[in-house]
Amino acid sequence: MKVLFATYPMAFHTPGGGEVQLLAYRKHLPRYGVDVSLFDPWAPKFMEHDIVHFFSCVGGSVHFCRFVKQLGLPLVVSSSLWITEQTRHLYPIDEICAQLALADRIVANSDMECETLSAVLGLPREKFSTVYNGVESSFFEASDPRLFREHFNINNRFILNVGNIEPRKNQLGLVHAMKAFPERRLVLIGHPRSPEYLKQVLSEGGEQVVYLGPLAHDSPLLRSAYKACELFVLPSTLETPGLAALEALGQNARLVVTREGSCAEYFGDRAIYIDPISVKSIEQGIRQALEAKHLHDGDCVDERYSWVNVVERLDGVYRSVLAKASLRTEVIQE
C-alpha cells in the first residue's frame, strides 16, 4: 500500500505535535507494509498512491482535499481539533465541515474528539476513527536528570512547559500562576510560533522564566528535562491531548494539564486537571501536584500509546478505507 502524506505549507516552519505525529507515522508504518511518501508540490505524483492522508484543518486545506477527491483517490484527514458548541464561533466552521465531509475517513486523537466533532459539525459518527497519539520508545527509557541541569546550568527546582510559544499554549497564564511560587523557576522549551507573545511572556515572567528555545524531538536533553523537572505543566486552552504531556509521563513526571480537550481520556487519574482560563486554577493545580505525596509514582505511559502500536491501528483504518473504495468501484462497474 502506498500512502501520500500532505499538510498545509507552513506546518514545518514551527513544527508542533501534529508534525511530530506525521513524521512518526511515516517512520513506523513501513513495518505494516505501508509505503509513505511526503507530498512534493513540484512533483506531486498523486496517482502513484492508493490513499492521500492530509494532516490538519487549517484554513484553505479544503481546496487540496477537494482536488484529491476530484482525482478519485481515497482521502483520510487527521483533524486534531477540539471544537465545542461554545467555541464553534471561533472557527471557520463551514470550511472545516466541508473539508471533513470530503474525507473517506477522519482520524481523530481520541474517542472524545470523534464524538464532539461529529455532534458539533453534524457529520456521521462512522466517518471518524480514533488513532491515539503516541511516543517513541526512547521516552520509556530511563534518563539522567543531570544531563539537562548541567548542560543549561539549571540548579534550582523548576517547573517545565514544552510546546510552541503561542496563546493557545497559554504560557502567559502559567507565568502569572508561577508568581505564587517565587522560589521555583519556570523553564520553557519550544518554537516561538508567536514572537510577540514570547516577548510578553518573557517580559512578565522576568528572571523567574528561563526560555531555552526549541530542542530536537529526539534529543537526550529533552528526555532529561522531563526527568529533571519537579512538575510538567500544560495549561493550554485546548489539547488533543498534547504529545509533550505523553512524553513527560513516559519519564514519570508529575502532570498538571488542561481539562479542555481529551487529556482525561489519556491520563485518567495520573494527572491533575486545571481550568486554563483561570490563573487561580492553574496555581491550585500546581500546588496540589507539588504537595501530593503519591501522584502516579512508578506509573509510565500505557503501551497502547507507543507509536508502534498506534500505527497498527492507523494501518487498519487505511485497509478499511481501501476495502470500501474497492467495493464502490465494483458496484459502479456492475
Protein backbone atom coordinates (compact mmCIF):
# COMPACT_ATOMS: atom_id res chain seq x y z
CA MET A 1 0.00 0.00 0.00
CA LYS A 2 1.29 3.45 -0.91
CA VAL A 3 0.08 6.49 1.03
CA LEU A 4 0.81 10.14 0.24
CA PHE A 5 1.14 12.43 3.27
CA ALA A 6 0.34 16.13 2.90
CA THR A 7 -0.23 19.09 5.18
CA TYR A 8 -0.52 22.88 4.95
CA PRO A 9 2.54 24.66 3.53
CA MET A 10 3.71 26.43 6.71
CA ALA A 11 3.37 23.46 9.06
CA PHE A 12 7.06 22.69 9.46
CA HIS A 13 8.12 26.31 9.92
CA THR A 14 7.38 25.87 13.62
CA PRO A 15 6.64 22.16 13.98
CA GLY A 16 4.42 21.04 16.83
CA GLY A 17 2.65 17.88 17.90
CA GLY A 18 0.85 17.42 14.59
CA GLU A 19 4.10 17.47 12.68
CA VAL A 20 5.77 15.08 15.14
CA GLN A 21 2.79 12.77 14.68
CA LEU A 22 3.06 12.92 10.88
CA LEU A 23 6.75 12.01 10.93
CA ALA A 24 6.20 9.24 13.49
CA TYR A 25 3.53 7.69 11.28
CA ARG A 26 5.93 7.85 8.35
CA LYS A 27 8.69 6.22 10.38
CA HIS A 28 6.69 3.31 11.77
CA LEU A 29 4.11 2.46 9.09
CA PRO A 30 6.54 0.56 6.82
CA ARG A 31 6.64 -2.31 9.33
CA TYR A 32 2.98 -2.89 8.42
CA GLY A 33 3.63 -2.81 4.69
CA VAL A 34 2.64 0.83 4.21
CA ASP A 35 4.97 2.86 1.98
CA VAL A 36 4.70 6.57 2.86
CA SER A 37 5.72 9.48 0.61
CA LEU A 38 5.69 13.17 1.51
CA PHE A 39 3.83 15.46 -0.87
CA ASP A 40 6.09 17.44 -3.18
CA PRO A 41 4.24 20.29 -4.95
CA TRP A 42 6.88 20.29 -7.72
CA ALA A 43 6.34 16.58 -8.40
CA PRO A 44 3.01 15.58 -6.81
CA LYS A 45 2.64 12.03 -8.21
CA PHE A 46 -0.88 11.69 -6.79
CA MET A 47 -1.81 8.76 -8.97
CA GLU A 48 1.13 6.65 -7.80
CA HIS A 49 -0.57 6.30 -4.42
CA ASP A 50 -3.51 4.31 -3.08
CA ILE A 51 -4.55 6.86 -0.44
CA VAL A 52 -3.87 10.52 0.35
CA HIS A 53 -3.66 11.38 4.05
CA PHE A 54 -3.97 15.10 4.82
CA PHE A 55 -3.00 16.46 8.24
CA SER A 56 -4.78 19.50 9.75
CA CYS A 57 -7.86 21.62 9.11
CA VAL A 58 -6.02 24.92 8.77
CA GLY A 59 -7.84 27.43 6.57
CA GLY A 60 -7.51 26.70 2.87
CA SER A 61 -6.99 22.96 3.33
CA VAL A 62 -10.37 22.19 1.81
CA HIS A 63 -9.08 23.09 -1.67
CA PHE A 64 -6.33 20.46 -1.57
CA CYS A 65 -8.73 17.85 -0.25
CA ARG A 66 -11.32 18.65 -2.90
CA PHE A 67 -8.71 18.21 -5.63
CA VAL A 68 -7.76 14.79 -4.23
CA LYS A 69 -11.38 13.68 -4.42
CA GLN A 70 -11.72 15.04 -7.95
CA LEU A 71 -8.87 12.68 -8.87
CA GLY A 72 -10.92 9.80 -7.50
CA LEU A 73 -8.45 8.96 -4.72
CA PRO A 74 -9.48 7.86 -1.21
CA LEU A 75 -8.87 10.64 1.33
CA VAL A 76 -8.05 10.37 5.02
CA VAL A 77 -7.90 13.56 7.12
CA SER A 78 -6.33 13.92 10.56
CA SER A 79 -8.46 16.53 12.29
CA SER A 80 -6.58 17.31 15.55
CA LEU A 81 -9.40 19.65 16.52
CA TRP A 82 -11.31 20.40 19.67
CA ILE A 83 -14.43 22.40 18.89
CA THR A 84 -17.46 22.62 21.15
CA GLU A 85 -20.82 24.32 20.77
CA GLN A 86 -19.43 27.09 22.99
CA THR A 87 -16.31 27.64 20.85
CA ARG A 88 -17.55 26.93 17.32
CA HIS A 89 -17.91 30.65 16.63
CA LEU A 90 -14.11 30.96 16.86
CA TYR A 91 -13.55 28.68 13.84
CA PRO A 92 -14.39 28.75 10.11
CA ILE A 93 -16.96 26.03 10.75
CA ASP A 94 -18.41 25.87 7.24
CA GLU A 95 -14.99 25.36 5.67
CA ILE A 96 -13.90 22.79 8.25
CA CYS A 97 -17.16 20.90 7.81
CA ALA A 98 -16.77 20.96 4.02
CA GLN A 99 -13.22 19.60 4.27
CA LEU A 100 -14.08 16.81 6.67
CA ALA A 101 -17.19 15.88 4.69
CA LEU A 102 -14.90 15.14 1.73
CA ALA A 103 -12.89 12.59 3.73
CA ASP A 104 -13.49 8.90 3.41
CA ARG A 105 -12.32 8.68 7.00
CA ILE A 106 -11.48 11.28 9.65
CA VAL A 107 -8.74 10.28 12.07
CA ALA A 108 -9.03 11.88 15.49
CA ASN A 109 -6.79 11.53 18.54
CA SER A 110 -9.47 10.32 20.95
CA ASP A 111 -13.00 8.96 21.18
CA MET A 112 -13.95 12.25 22.84
CA GLU A 113 -12.70 14.18 19.80
CA CYS A 114 -14.60 11.88 17.43
CA GLU A 115 -17.86 12.26 19.31
CA THR A 116 -17.54 16.01 19.84
CA LEU A 117 -16.68 16.79 16.21
CA SER A 118 -19.43 14.51 14.95
CA ALA A 119 -22.00 16.29 17.10
CA VAL A 120 -20.82 19.87 16.53
CA LEU A 121 -20.28 19.52 12.77
CA GLY A 122 -23.27 17.26 12.12
CA LEU A 123 -21.14 14.57 10.47
CA PRO A 124 -21.86 10.83 10.78
CA ARG A 125 -20.01 9.22 13.70
CA GLU A 126 -18.98 6.31 11.48
CA LYS A 127 -16.79 8.68 9.42
CA PHE A 128 -14.50 9.02 12.45
CA SER A 129 -11.82 6.65 13.74
CA THR A 130 -9.71 7.06 16.86
CA VAL A 131 -5.95 6.68 16.48
CA TYR A 132 -4.24 7.67 19.71
CA ASN A 133 -1.24 9.93 19.89
CA GLY A 134 1.97 8.16 20.78
CA VAL A 135 5.55 8.44 21.96
CA GLU A 136 8.81 6.97 20.78
CA SER A 137 10.22 4.03 22.74
CA SER A 138 13.14 6.22 23.85
CA PHE A 139 10.75 8.12 26.14
CA PHE A 140 10.15 4.91 28.11
CA GLU A 141 13.89 4.58 28.80
CA ALA A 142 15.50 5.91 31.97
CA SER A 143 17.10 9.35 31.61
CA ASP A 144 19.66 11.12 33.74
CA PRO A 145 18.31 14.47 35.04
CA ARG A 146 21.86 15.73 35.48
CA LEU A 147 22.37 15.87 31.71
CA PHE A 148 19.83 18.67 31.32
CA ARG A 149 20.77 20.51 34.51
CA GLU A 150 24.49 20.55 33.75
CA HIS A 151 24.09 21.45 30.08
CA PHE A 152 21.94 24.53 30.85
CA ASN A 153 23.36 25.24 34.31
CA ILE A 154 19.95 24.95 35.98
CA ASN A 155 20.33 24.04 39.63
CA ASN A 156 17.05 25.35 41.06
CA ARG A 157 13.84 23.41 41.37
CA PHE A 158 11.85 24.11 38.23
CA ILE A 159 8.52 23.59 36.53
CA LEU A 160 8.61 22.67 32.86
CA ASN A 161 6.46 23.55 29.87
CA VAL A 162 7.23 22.15 26.41
CA GLY A 163 5.33 23.41 23.38
CA ASN A 164 5.19 26.10 20.74
CA ILE A 165 5.11 29.54 22.33
CA GLU A 166 1.69 30.86 21.35
CA PRO A 167 -1.57 31.98 23.00
CA ARG A 168 -3.20 28.54 22.66
CA LYS A 169 -0.48 27.01 24.80
CA ASN A 170 -1.18 29.68 27.43
CA GLN A 171 2.35 30.16 28.74
CA LEU A 172 1.29 33.63 29.86
CA GLY A 173 -1.33 32.18 32.20
CA LEU A 174 1.33 29.85 33.55
CA VAL A 175 3.71 32.78 34.10
CA HIS A 176 1.06 34.55 36.16
CA ALA A 177 0.33 31.41 38.21
CA MET A 178 4.04 30.93 38.89
CA LYS A 179 4.13 34.24 40.80
CA ALA A 180 2.77 32.22 43.74
CA PHE A 181 5.93 30.07 43.66
CA PRO A 182 8.81 32.59 43.59
CA GLU A 183 11.32 30.00 44.82
CA ARG A 184 10.90 27.96 41.63
CA ARG A 185 11.93 28.68 38.05
CA LEU A 186 9.72 28.17 35.01
CA VAL A 187 11.56 26.55 32.10
CA LEU A 188 10.02 26.94 28.64
CA ILE A 189 11.08 24.84 25.65
CA GLY A 190 9.57 25.33 22.20
CA HIS A 191 9.45 27.19 18.91
CA PRO A 192 8.30 30.84 19.11
CA ARG A 193 5.23 30.45 16.91
CA SER A 194 4.19 33.95 18.02
CA PRO A 195 7.28 36.14 18.62
CA GLU A 196 5.19 38.96 20.08
CA TYR A 197 3.57 36.58 22.54
CA LEU A 198 7.00 35.28 23.53
CA LYS A 199 8.15 38.85 24.24
CA GLN A 200 5.15 39.35 26.51
CA VAL A 201 5.76 36.06 28.31
CA LEU A 202 9.41 36.90 28.96
CA SER A 203 8.64 40.46 29.97
CA GLU A 204 6.01 39.47 32.52
CA GLY A 205 7.93 36.42 33.69
CA GLY A 206 11.15 38.29 34.38
CA GLU A 207 14.03 36.40 35.94
CA GLN A 208 11.77 33.56 37.03
CA VAL A 209 11.43 32.38 33.42
CA VAL A 210 14.14 30.53 31.52
CA TYR A 211 13.44 30.22 27.81
CA LEU A 212 15.66 27.69 26.06
CA GLY A 213 14.17 27.78 22.56
CA PRO A 214 13.33 24.50 20.79
CA LEU A 215 15.08 21.19 21.39
CA ALA A 216 15.21 18.44 18.79
CA HIS A 217 12.47 15.94 19.47
CA ASP A 218 14.96 13.07 19.63
CA SER A 219 17.42 14.98 21.83
CA PRO A 220 18.52 13.24 25.05
CA LEU A 221 18.37 16.72 26.60
CA LEU A 222 14.59 16.80 26.11
CA ARG A 223 14.11 13.47 27.83
CA SER A 224 16.43 14.59 30.61
CA ALA A 225 14.40 17.80 31.03
CA TYR A 226 11.23 15.78 31.62
CA LYS A 227 13.10 13.71 34.20
CA ALA A 228 14.66 16.71 35.93
CA CYS A 229 11.55 18.86 36.33
CA GLU A 230 9.52 18.95 39.52
CA LEU A 231 6.29 19.19 37.52
CA PHE A 232 5.29 19.28 33.88
CA VAL A 233 2.51 21.81 33.33
CA LEU A 234 0.42 22.12 30.16
CA PRO A 235 -2.25 24.81 30.71
CA SER A 236 -3.34 25.07 27.06
CA THR A 237 -6.75 26.40 26.14
CA LEU A 238 -7.25 23.01 24.47
CA GLU A 239 -5.28 19.82 23.83
CA THR A 240 -5.92 16.60 21.92
CA PRO A 241 -4.11 15.68 24.21
CA GLY A 242 -0.60 17.11 23.82
CA LEU A 243 2.34 14.95 22.82
CA ALA A 244 4.66 16.66 25.30
CA ALA A 245 2.49 15.54 28.21
CA LEU A 246 2.66 11.93 26.99
CA GLU A 247 6.43 12.20 26.69
CA ALA A 248 6.70 13.71 30.17
CA LEU A 249 4.64 10.89 31.62
CA GLY A 250 6.97 8.43 29.89
CA GLN A 251 9.71 9.90 32.09
CA ASN A 252 7.38 9.62 35.11
CA ALA A 253 6.97 13.38 35.50
CA ARG A 254 4.10 14.67 37.57
CA LEU A 255 1.47 16.22 35.30
CA VAL A 256 -0.75 19.27 35.58
CA VAL A 257 -2.77 19.56 32.37
CA THR A 258 -5.72 21.38 30.89
CA ARG A 259 -9.16 19.91 31.32
CA GLU A 260 -10.25 21.39 27.98
CA GLY A 261 -9.93 18.70 25.33
CA SER A 262 -9.24 14.98 25.54
CA CYS A 263 -6.44 14.82 28.14
CA ALA A 264 -8.64 12.94 30.62
CA GLU A 265 -9.13 10.09 28.13
CA TYR A 266 -5.37 9.57 28.07
CA PHE A 267 -4.23 10.34 31.60
CA GLY A 268 -7.16 9.43 33.85
CA ASP A 269 -6.11 9.86 37.48
CA ARG A 270 -2.42 10.16 36.54
CA ALA A 271 -2.74 13.94 36.17
CA ILE A 272 -4.22 16.97 37.88
CA TYR A 273 -6.58 18.97 35.68
CA ILE A 274 -6.94 22.73 35.62
CA ASP A 275 -9.16 25.37 34.02
CA PRO A 276 -6.80 27.09 31.55
CA ILE A 277 -8.59 30.44 31.62
CA SER A 278 -8.27 30.70 35.41
CA VAL A 279 -4.85 31.67 36.78
CA LYS A 280 -6.13 30.66 40.22
CA SER A 281 -6.99 27.17 38.93
CA ILE A 282 -3.51 26.79 37.39
CA GLU A 283 -1.94 27.92 40.67
CA GLN A 284 -4.09 25.48 42.68
CA GLY A 285 -3.25 22.62 40.31
CA ILE A 286 0.47 23.28 40.67
CA ARG A 287 0.19 23.46 44.45
CA GLN A 288 -1.84 20.27 44.61
CA ALA A 289 0.70 18.41 42.46
CA LEU A 290 3.64 19.71 44.50
CA GLU A 291 2.03 18.68 47.77
CA ALA A 292 0.79 15.27 46.66
CA LYS A 293 2.85 12.50 48.25
CA HIS A 294 1.96 9.99 45.56
CA LEU A 295 0.87 11.14 42.12
CA HIS A 296 1.17 8.11 39.80
CA ASP A 297 4.63 7.36 41.25
CA GLY A 298 6.04 4.38 39.38
CA ASP A 299 3.50 4.62 36.56
CA CYS A 300 4.51 5.13 32.97
CA VAL A 301 2.77 5.64 29.65
CA ASP A 302 0.44 2.81 28.67
CA GLU A 303 1.96 0.70 25.90
CA ARG A 304 -1.01 1.46 23.66
CA TYR A 305 0.49 4.95 23.35
CA SER A 306 3.74 3.75 21.80
CA TRP A 307 3.95 4.67 18.12
CA VAL A 308 4.47 1.02 17.15
CA ASN A 309 1.01 0.12 18.48
CA VAL A 310 -0.57 3.38 17.34
CA VAL A 311 0.31 2.92 13.68
CA GLU A 312 -1.08 -0.61 13.65
CA ARG A 313 -4.48 0.96 14.25
CA LEU A 314 -3.86 3.50 11.50
CA ASP A 315 -2.95 0.69 9.12
CA GLY A 316 -6.35 -0.82 9.90
CA VAL A 317 -8.02 2.48 9.01
CA TYR A 318 -6.25 2.57 5.64
CA ARG A 319 -7.21 -1.00 4.81
CA SER A 320 -10.82 -0.36 5.74
CA VAL A 321 -10.91 2.74 3.51
CA LEU A 322 -9.38 0.83 0.59
CA ALA A 323 -11.82 -2.05 1.02
CA LYS A 324 -14.81 0.31 0.87
CA ALA A 325 -13.35 2.13 -2.14
CA SER A 326 -12.89 -1.21 -3.93
CA LEU A 327 -16.45 -2.21 -3.12
CA ARG A 328 -17.81 1.06 -4.54
CA THR A 329 -15.80 0.51 -7.73
CA GLU A 330 -17.23 -2.98 -8.15
CA VAL A 331 -20.79 -1.69 -7.69
CA ILE A 332 -20.24 1.05 -10.30
CA GLN A 333 -18.80 -1.43 -12.79
CA GLU A 334 -21.77 -3.73 -12.39
